[in-house]
ModelCIF file with pLDDT and N, C-alpha, C, O atoms, coordinates in Angstrom:
data_MODEL
#
_entry.id   MODEL 
#
_entity.id                         1 
_entity.type                       polymer 
_entity.pdbx_number_of_molecules   1 
#
_entity_poly.entity_id                      1 
_entity_poly.type                           'polypeptide(L)' 
_entity_poly.nstd_linkage                   no 
_entity_poly.nstd_monomer                   no 
_entity_poly.pdbx_seq_one_letter_code       EAAVTCAHETAELPPLLPKQRRLLESCSCV 
_entity_poly.pdbx_seq_one_letter_code_can   EAAVTCAHETAELPPLLPKQRRLLESCSCV 
_entity_poly.pdbx_strand_id                 A 
#
loop_
_entity_poly_seq.entity_id 
_entity_poly_seq.num 
_entity_poly_seq.mon_id 
_entity_poly_seq.hetero 
1 1  GLU n 
1 2  ALA n 
1 3  ALA n 
1 4  VAL n 
1 5  THR n 
1 6  CYS n 
1 7  ALA n 
1 8  HIS n 
1 9  GLU n 
1 10 THR n 
1 11 ALA n 
1 12 GLU n 
1 13 LEU n 
1 14 PRO n 
1 15 PRO n 
1 16 LEU n 
1 17 LEU n 
1 18 PRO n 
1 19 LYS n 
1 20 GLN n 
1 21 ARG n 
1 22 ARG n 
1 23 LEU n 
1 24 LEU n 
1 25 GLU n 
1 26 SER n 
1 27 CYS n 
1 28 SER n 
1 29 CYS n 
1 30 VAL n 
#
_struct_asym.id          A 
_struct_asym.entity_id   1 
#
loop_
_ma_qa_metric.id 
_ma_qa_metric.mode 
_ma_qa_metric.name 
_ma_qa_metric.software_group_id 
_ma_qa_metric.type 
1 global pLDDT . pLDDT 
2 local  pLDDT . pLDDT 
#
_ma_qa_metric_global.metric_id      1 
_ma_qa_metric_global.metric_value   83.33 
_ma_qa_metric_global.model_id       1 
_ma_qa_metric_global.ordinal_id     1 
#
loop_
_ma_qa_metric_local.label_asym_id 
_ma_qa_metric_local.label_comp_id 
_ma_qa_metric_local.label_seq_id 
_ma_qa_metric_local.metric_id 
_ma_qa_metric_local.metric_value 
_ma_qa_metric_local.model_id 
_ma_qa_metric_local.ordinal_id 
A GLU 1  2 87.00 1 1  
A ALA 2  2 85.00 1 2  
A ALA 3  2 81.00 1 3  
A VAL 4  2 76.00 1 4  
A THR 5  2 74.00 1 5  
A CYS 6  2 70.00 1 6  
A ALA 7  2 71.00 1 7  
A HIS 8  2 67.00 1 8  
A GLU 9  2 75.00 1 9  
A THR 10 2 74.00 1 10 
A ALA 11 2 74.00 1 11 
A GLU 12 2 79.00 1 12 
A LEU 13 2 74.00 1 13 
A PRO 14 2 78.00 1 14 
A PRO 15 2 85.00 1 15 
A LEU 16 2 86.00 1 16 
A LEU 17 2 91.00 1 17 
A PRO 18 2 91.00 1 18 
A LYS 19 2 93.00 1 19 
A GLN 20 2 89.00 1 20 
A ARG 21 2 89.00 1 21 
A ARG 22 2 89.00 1 22 
A LEU 23 2 87.00 1 23 
A LEU 24 2 86.00 1 24 
A GLU 25 2 89.00 1 25 
A SER 26 2 92.00 1 26 
A CYS 27 2 92.00 1 27 
A SER 28 2 93.00 1 28 
A CYS 29 2 92.00 1 29 
A VAL 30 2 91.00 1 30 
#
loop_
_atom_site.group_PDB 
_atom_site.id 
_atom_site.type_symbol 
_atom_site.label_atom_id 
_atom_site.label_alt_id 
_atom_site.label_comp_id 
_atom_site.label_asym_id 
_atom_site.label_entity_id 
_atom_site.label_seq_id 
_atom_site.pdbx_PDB_ins_code 
_atom_site.Cartn_x 
_atom_site.Cartn_y 
_atom_site.Cartn_z 
_atom_site.occupancy 
_atom_site.B_iso_or_equiv 
_atom_site.pdbx_formal_charge 
_atom_site.auth_seq_id 
_atom_site.auth_comp_id 
_atom_site.auth_asym_id 
_atom_site.auth_atom_id 
_atom_site.pdbx_PDB_model_num 
ATOM 1   N N  . GLU A 1 1  ? 71.729  97.423 91.354  1.00 87.00 ? 1  GLU A N  1 
ATOM 2   C CA . GLU A 1 1  ? 72.794  96.897 91.203  1.00 87.00 ? 1  GLU A CA 1 
ATOM 3   C C  . GLU A 1 1  ? 72.923  95.580 91.639  1.00 87.00 ? 1  GLU A C  1 
ATOM 4   O O  . GLU A 1 1  ? 72.352  95.213 92.666  1.00 87.00 ? 1  GLU A O  1 
ATOM 5   N N  . ALA A 1 2  ? 73.896  94.518 90.694  1.00 85.00 ? 2  ALA A N  1 
ATOM 6   C CA . ALA A 1 2  ? 74.065  92.987 91.146  1.00 85.00 ? 2  ALA A CA 1 
ATOM 7   C C  . ALA A 1 2  ? 75.465  93.129 91.635  1.00 85.00 ? 2  ALA A C  1 
ATOM 8   O O  . ALA A 1 2  ? 76.366  93.882 91.266  1.00 85.00 ? 2  ALA A O  1 
ATOM 9   N N  . ALA A 1 3  ? 75.409  92.049 92.729  1.00 81.00 ? 3  ALA A N  1 
ATOM 10  C CA . ALA A 1 3  ? 77.067  92.118 93.450  1.00 81.00 ? 3  ALA A CA 1 
ATOM 11  C C  . ALA A 1 3  ? 77.306  90.634 92.736  1.00 81.00 ? 3  ALA A C  1 
ATOM 12  O O  . ALA A 1 3  ? 76.529  89.721 92.458  1.00 81.00 ? 3  ALA A O  1 
ATOM 13  N N  . VAL A 1 4  ? 78.726  90.814 92.570  1.00 76.00 ? 4  VAL A N  1 
ATOM 14  C CA . VAL A 1 4  ? 79.255  89.260 92.097  1.00 76.00 ? 4  VAL A CA 1 
ATOM 15  C C  . VAL A 1 4  ? 80.231  88.816 93.274  1.00 76.00 ? 4  VAL A C  1 
ATOM 16  O O  . VAL A 1 4  ? 80.799  89.795 93.758  1.00 76.00 ? 4  VAL A O  1 
ATOM 17  N N  . THR A 1 5  ? 80.535  87.761 93.791  1.00 74.00 ? 5  THR A N  1 
ATOM 18  C CA . THR A 1 5  ? 81.277  87.224 95.030  1.00 74.00 ? 5  THR A CA 1 
ATOM 19  C C  . THR A 1 5  ? 82.195  86.283 93.746  1.00 74.00 ? 5  THR A C  1 
ATOM 20  O O  . THR A 1 5  ? 81.822  85.777 92.688  1.00 74.00 ? 5  THR A O  1 
ATOM 21  N N  . CYS A 1 6  ? 83.187  86.335 94.256  1.00 70.00 ? 6  CYS A N  1 
ATOM 22  C CA . CYS A 1 6  ? 84.146  85.135 93.348  1.00 70.00 ? 6  CYS A CA 1 
ATOM 23  C C  . CYS A 1 6  ? 85.491  84.816 94.730  1.00 70.00 ? 6  CYS A C  1 
ATOM 24  O O  . CYS A 1 6  ? 85.866  85.683 95.520  1.00 70.00 ? 6  CYS A O  1 
ATOM 25  N N  . ALA A 1 7  ? 85.871  83.737 94.701  1.00 71.00 ? 7  ALA A N  1 
ATOM 26  C CA . ALA A 1 7  ? 86.587  82.699 95.288  1.00 71.00 ? 7  ALA A CA 1 
ATOM 27  C C  . ALA A 1 7  ? 87.752  82.242 94.591  1.00 71.00 ? 7  ALA A C  1 
ATOM 28  O O  . ALA A 1 7  ? 87.608  81.852 93.432  1.00 71.00 ? 7  ALA A O  1 
ATOM 29  N N  . HIS A 1 8  ? 88.729  82.234 95.050  1.00 67.00 ? 8  HIS A N  1 
ATOM 30  C CA . HIS A 1 8  ? 89.943  80.930 94.812  1.00 67.00 ? 8  HIS A CA 1 
ATOM 31  C C  . HIS A 1 8  ? 90.412  80.543 95.936  1.00 67.00 ? 8  HIS A C  1 
ATOM 32  O O  . HIS A 1 8  ? 90.943  81.291 96.757  1.00 67.00 ? 8  HIS A O  1 
ATOM 33  N N  . GLU A 1 9  ? 90.236  79.244 96.064  1.00 75.00 ? 9  GLU A N  1 
ATOM 34  C CA . GLU A 1 9  ? 90.219  78.462 97.467  1.00 75.00 ? 9  GLU A CA 1 
ATOM 35  C C  . GLU A 1 9  ? 91.879  77.753 97.271  1.00 75.00 ? 9  GLU A C  1 
ATOM 36  O O  . GLU A 1 9  ? 92.085  76.949 98.181  1.00 75.00 ? 9  GLU A O  1 
ATOM 37  N N  . THR A 1 10 ? 92.835  77.854 96.494  1.00 74.00 ? 10 THR A N  1 
ATOM 38  C CA . THR A 1 10 ? 93.711  77.410 96.392  1.00 74.00 ? 10 THR A CA 1 
ATOM 39  C C  . THR A 1 10 ? 94.995  78.418 96.359  1.00 74.00 ? 10 THR A C  1 
ATOM 40  O O  . THR A 1 10 ? 94.959  79.648 96.362  1.00 74.00 ? 10 THR A O  1 
ATOM 41  N N  . ALA A 1 11 ? 96.146  77.562 96.326  1.00 74.00 ? 11 ALA A N  1 
ATOM 42  C CA . ALA A 1 11 ? 97.607  79.054 96.609  1.00 74.00 ? 11 ALA A CA 1 
ATOM 43  C C  . ALA A 1 11 ? 98.125  79.042 95.221  1.00 74.00 ? 11 ALA A C  1 
ATOM 44  O O  . ALA A 1 11 ? 99.225  79.563 95.042  1.00 74.00 ? 11 ALA A O  1 
ATOM 45  N N  . GLU A 1 12 ? 97.399  78.444 94.052  1.00 79.00 ? 12 GLU A N  1 
ATOM 46  C CA . GLU A 1 12 ? 97.940  78.471 92.428  1.00 79.00 ? 12 GLU A CA 1 
ATOM 47  C C  . GLU A 1 12 ? 97.207  79.568 92.201  1.00 79.00 ? 12 GLU A C  1 
ATOM 48  O O  . GLU A 1 12 ? 96.155  79.727 92.819  1.00 79.00 ? 12 GLU A O  1 
ATOM 49  N N  . LEU A 1 13 ? 97.669  80.521 91.248  1.00 74.00 ? 13 LEU A N  1 
ATOM 50  C CA . LEU A 1 13 ? 97.000  81.530 90.196  1.00 74.00 ? 13 LEU A CA 1 
ATOM 51  C C  . LEU A 1 13 ? 96.020  80.558 89.344  1.00 74.00 ? 13 LEU A C  1 
ATOM 52  O O  . LEU A 1 13 ? 96.581  79.513 89.014  1.00 74.00 ? 13 LEU A O  1 
ATOM 53  N N  . PRO A 1 14 ? 94.681  80.682 88.921  1.00 78.00 ? 14 PRO A N  1 
ATOM 54  C CA . PRO A 1 14 ? 93.928  80.282 88.070  1.00 78.00 ? 14 PRO A CA 1 
ATOM 55  C C  . PRO A 1 14 ? 94.769  80.686 86.724  1.00 78.00 ? 14 PRO A C  1 
ATOM 56  O O  . PRO A 1 14 ? 95.586  81.607 86.698  1.00 78.00 ? 14 PRO A O  1 
ATOM 57  N N  . PRO A 1 15 ? 94.440  79.849 85.609  1.00 85.00 ? 15 PRO A N  1 
ATOM 58  C CA . PRO A 1 15 ? 94.799  79.847 84.375  1.00 85.00 ? 15 PRO A CA 1 
ATOM 59  C C  . PRO A 1 15 ? 94.622  81.252 83.860  1.00 85.00 ? 15 PRO A C  1 
ATOM 60  O O  . PRO A 1 15 ? 93.444  81.609 83.866  1.00 85.00 ? 15 PRO A O  1 
ATOM 61  N N  . LEU A 1 16 ? 95.734  82.398 83.288  1.00 86.00 ? 16 LEU A N  1 
ATOM 62  C CA . LEU A 1 16 ? 95.484  83.521 82.986  1.00 86.00 ? 16 LEU A CA 1 
ATOM 63  C C  . LEU A 1 16 ? 95.939  83.839 81.605  1.00 86.00 ? 16 LEU A C  1 
ATOM 64  O O  . LEU A 1 16 ? 97.035  83.458 81.196  1.00 86.00 ? 16 LEU A O  1 
ATOM 65  N N  . LEU A 1 17 ? 95.121  84.524 80.893  1.00 91.00 ? 17 LEU A N  1 
ATOM 66  C CA . LEU A 1 17 ? 95.134  84.958 79.734  1.00 91.00 ? 17 LEU A CA 1 
ATOM 67  C C  . LEU A 1 17 ? 96.525  85.699 79.175  1.00 91.00 ? 17 LEU A C  1 
ATOM 68  O O  . LEU A 1 17 ? 96.991  86.333 80.122  1.00 91.00 ? 17 LEU A O  1 
ATOM 69  N N  . PRO A 1 18 ? 97.301  85.842 78.067  1.00 91.00 ? 18 PRO A N  1 
ATOM 70  C CA . PRO A 1 18 ? 98.240  86.788 77.937  1.00 91.00 ? 18 PRO A CA 1 
ATOM 71  C C  . PRO A 1 18 ? 98.287  87.899 78.360  1.00 91.00 ? 18 PRO A C  1 
ATOM 72  O O  . PRO A 1 18 ? 99.252  88.401 78.935  1.00 91.00 ? 18 PRO A O  1 
ATOM 73  N N  . LYS A 1 19 ? 96.924  88.570 78.050  1.00 93.00 ? 19 LYS A N  1 
ATOM 74  C CA . LYS A 1 19 ? 96.862  90.108 78.169  1.00 93.00 ? 19 LYS A CA 1 
ATOM 75  C C  . LYS A 1 19 ? 96.431  90.334 80.103  1.00 93.00 ? 19 LYS A C  1 
ATOM 76  O O  . LYS A 1 19 ? 96.455  91.389 80.737  1.00 93.00 ? 19 LYS A O  1 
ATOM 77  N N  . GLN A 1 20 ? 96.121  89.116 80.543  1.00 89.00 ? 20 GLN A N  1 
ATOM 78  C CA . GLN A 1 20 ? 95.862  89.282 82.113  1.00 89.00 ? 20 GLN A CA 1 
ATOM 79  C C  . GLN A 1 20 ? 97.485  88.730 82.820  1.00 89.00 ? 20 GLN A C  1 
ATOM 80  O O  . GLN A 1 20 ? 97.803  88.965 83.986  1.00 89.00 ? 20 GLN A O  1 
ATOM 81  N N  . ARG A 1 21 ? 98.103  88.196 82.121  1.00 89.00 ? 21 ARG A N  1 
ATOM 82  C CA . ARG A 1 21 ? 99.382  87.921 82.704  1.00 89.00 ? 21 ARG A CA 1 
ATOM 83  C C  . ARG A 1 21 ? 100.241 89.346 82.671  1.00 89.00 ? 21 ARG A C  1 
ATOM 84  O O  . ARG A 1 21 ? 100.932 89.754 83.605  1.00 89.00 ? 21 ARG A O  1 
ATOM 85  N N  . ARG A 1 22 ? 100.053 89.996 81.428  1.00 89.00 ? 22 ARG A N  1 
ATOM 86  C CA . ARG A 1 22 ? 101.221 91.167 81.383  1.00 89.00 ? 22 ARG A CA 1 
ATOM 87  C C  . ARG A 1 22 ? 100.567 92.332 82.454  1.00 89.00 ? 22 ARG A C  1 
ATOM 88  O O  . ARG A 1 22 ? 101.243 93.239 82.940  1.00 89.00 ? 22 ARG A O  1 
ATOM 89  N N  . LEU A 1 23 ? 99.411  92.162 82.666  1.00 87.00 ? 23 LEU A N  1 
ATOM 90  C CA . LEU A 1 23 ? 98.589  93.023 83.418  1.00 87.00 ? 23 LEU A CA 1 
ATOM 91  C C  . LEU A 1 23 ? 99.669  92.819 84.728  1.00 87.00 ? 23 LEU A C  1 
ATOM 92  O O  . LEU A 1 23 ? 100.538 93.554 85.199  1.00 87.00 ? 23 LEU A O  1 
ATOM 93  N N  . LEU A 1 24 ? 99.178  91.451 85.078  1.00 86.00 ? 24 LEU A N  1 
ATOM 94  C CA . LEU A 1 24 ? 99.561  91.178 86.426  1.00 86.00 ? 24 LEU A CA 1 
ATOM 95  C C  . LEU A 1 24 ? 100.982 91.572 86.697  1.00 86.00 ? 24 LEU A C  1 
ATOM 96  O O  . LEU A 1 24 ? 101.331 92.189 87.704  1.00 86.00 ? 24 LEU A O  1 
ATOM 97  N N  . GLU A 1 25 ? 101.758 91.186 85.759  1.00 89.00 ? 25 GLU A N  1 
ATOM 98  C CA . GLU A 1 25 ? 103.113 91.204 85.774  1.00 89.00 ? 25 GLU A CA 1 
ATOM 99  C C  . GLU A 1 25 ? 103.828 92.886 86.090  1.00 89.00 ? 25 GLU A C  1 
ATOM 100 O O  . GLU A 1 25 ? 104.851 93.079 86.747  1.00 89.00 ? 25 GLU A O  1 
ATOM 101 N N  . SER A 1 26 ? 103.024 93.910 85.464  1.00 92.00 ? 26 SER A N  1 
ATOM 102 C CA . SER A 1 26 ? 103.218 95.227 85.322  1.00 92.00 ? 26 SER A CA 1 
ATOM 103 C C  . SER A 1 26 ? 102.683 96.022 86.685  1.00 92.00 ? 26 SER A C  1 
ATOM 104 O O  . SER A 1 26 ? 102.755 97.250 86.737  1.00 92.00 ? 26 SER A O  1 
ATOM 105 N N  . CYS A 1 27 ? 102.226 95.359 87.615  1.00 92.00 ? 27 CYS A N  1 
ATOM 106 C CA . CYS A 1 27 ? 101.718 96.369 88.697  1.00 92.00 ? 27 CYS A CA 1 
ATOM 107 C C  . CYS A 1 27 ? 102.651 95.236 89.949  1.00 92.00 ? 27 CYS A C  1 
ATOM 108 O O  . CYS A 1 27 ? 103.118 94.112 89.768  1.00 92.00 ? 27 CYS A O  1 
ATOM 109 N N  . SER A 1 28 ? 102.644 96.169 91.276  1.00 93.00 ? 28 SER A N  1 
ATOM 110 C CA . SER A 1 28 ? 102.935 95.520 92.347  1.00 93.00 ? 28 SER A CA 1 
ATOM 111 C C  . SER A 1 28 ? 102.210 95.897 93.388  1.00 93.00 ? 28 SER A C  1 
ATOM 112 O O  . SER A 1 28 ? 101.473 96.863 93.194  1.00 93.00 ? 28 SER A O  1 
ATOM 113 N N  . CYS A 1 29 ? 102.208 95.426 94.404  1.00 92.00 ? 29 CYS A N  1 
ATOM 114 C CA . CYS A 1 29 ? 101.246 95.884 95.761  1.00 92.00 ? 29 CYS A CA 1 
ATOM 115 C C  . CYS A 1 29 ? 102.300 96.147 96.833  1.00 92.00 ? 29 CYS A C  1 
ATOM 116 O O  . CYS A 1 29 ? 103.428 95.665 96.930  1.00 92.00 ? 29 CYS A O  1 
ATOM 117 N N  . VAL A 1 30 ? 101.690 96.997 97.593  1.00 91.00 ? 30 VAL A N  1 
ATOM 118 C CA . VAL A 1 30 ? 102.525 97.326 98.686  1.00 91.00 ? 30 VAL A CA 1 
ATOM 119 C C  . VAL A 1 30 ? 101.325 97.622 99.883  1.00 91.00 ? 30 VAL A C  1 
ATOM 120 O O  . VAL A 1 30 ? 101.657 97.949 101.022 1.00 91.00 ? 30 VAL A O  1 
#
């Protein structure tokens, strides 16, 4: 297997595609 590490080090979300934004907005985290 290959492992991929991603990091985003600002308070703002990176730009999202419309599909990604809809998915994000349809979910909640508890």
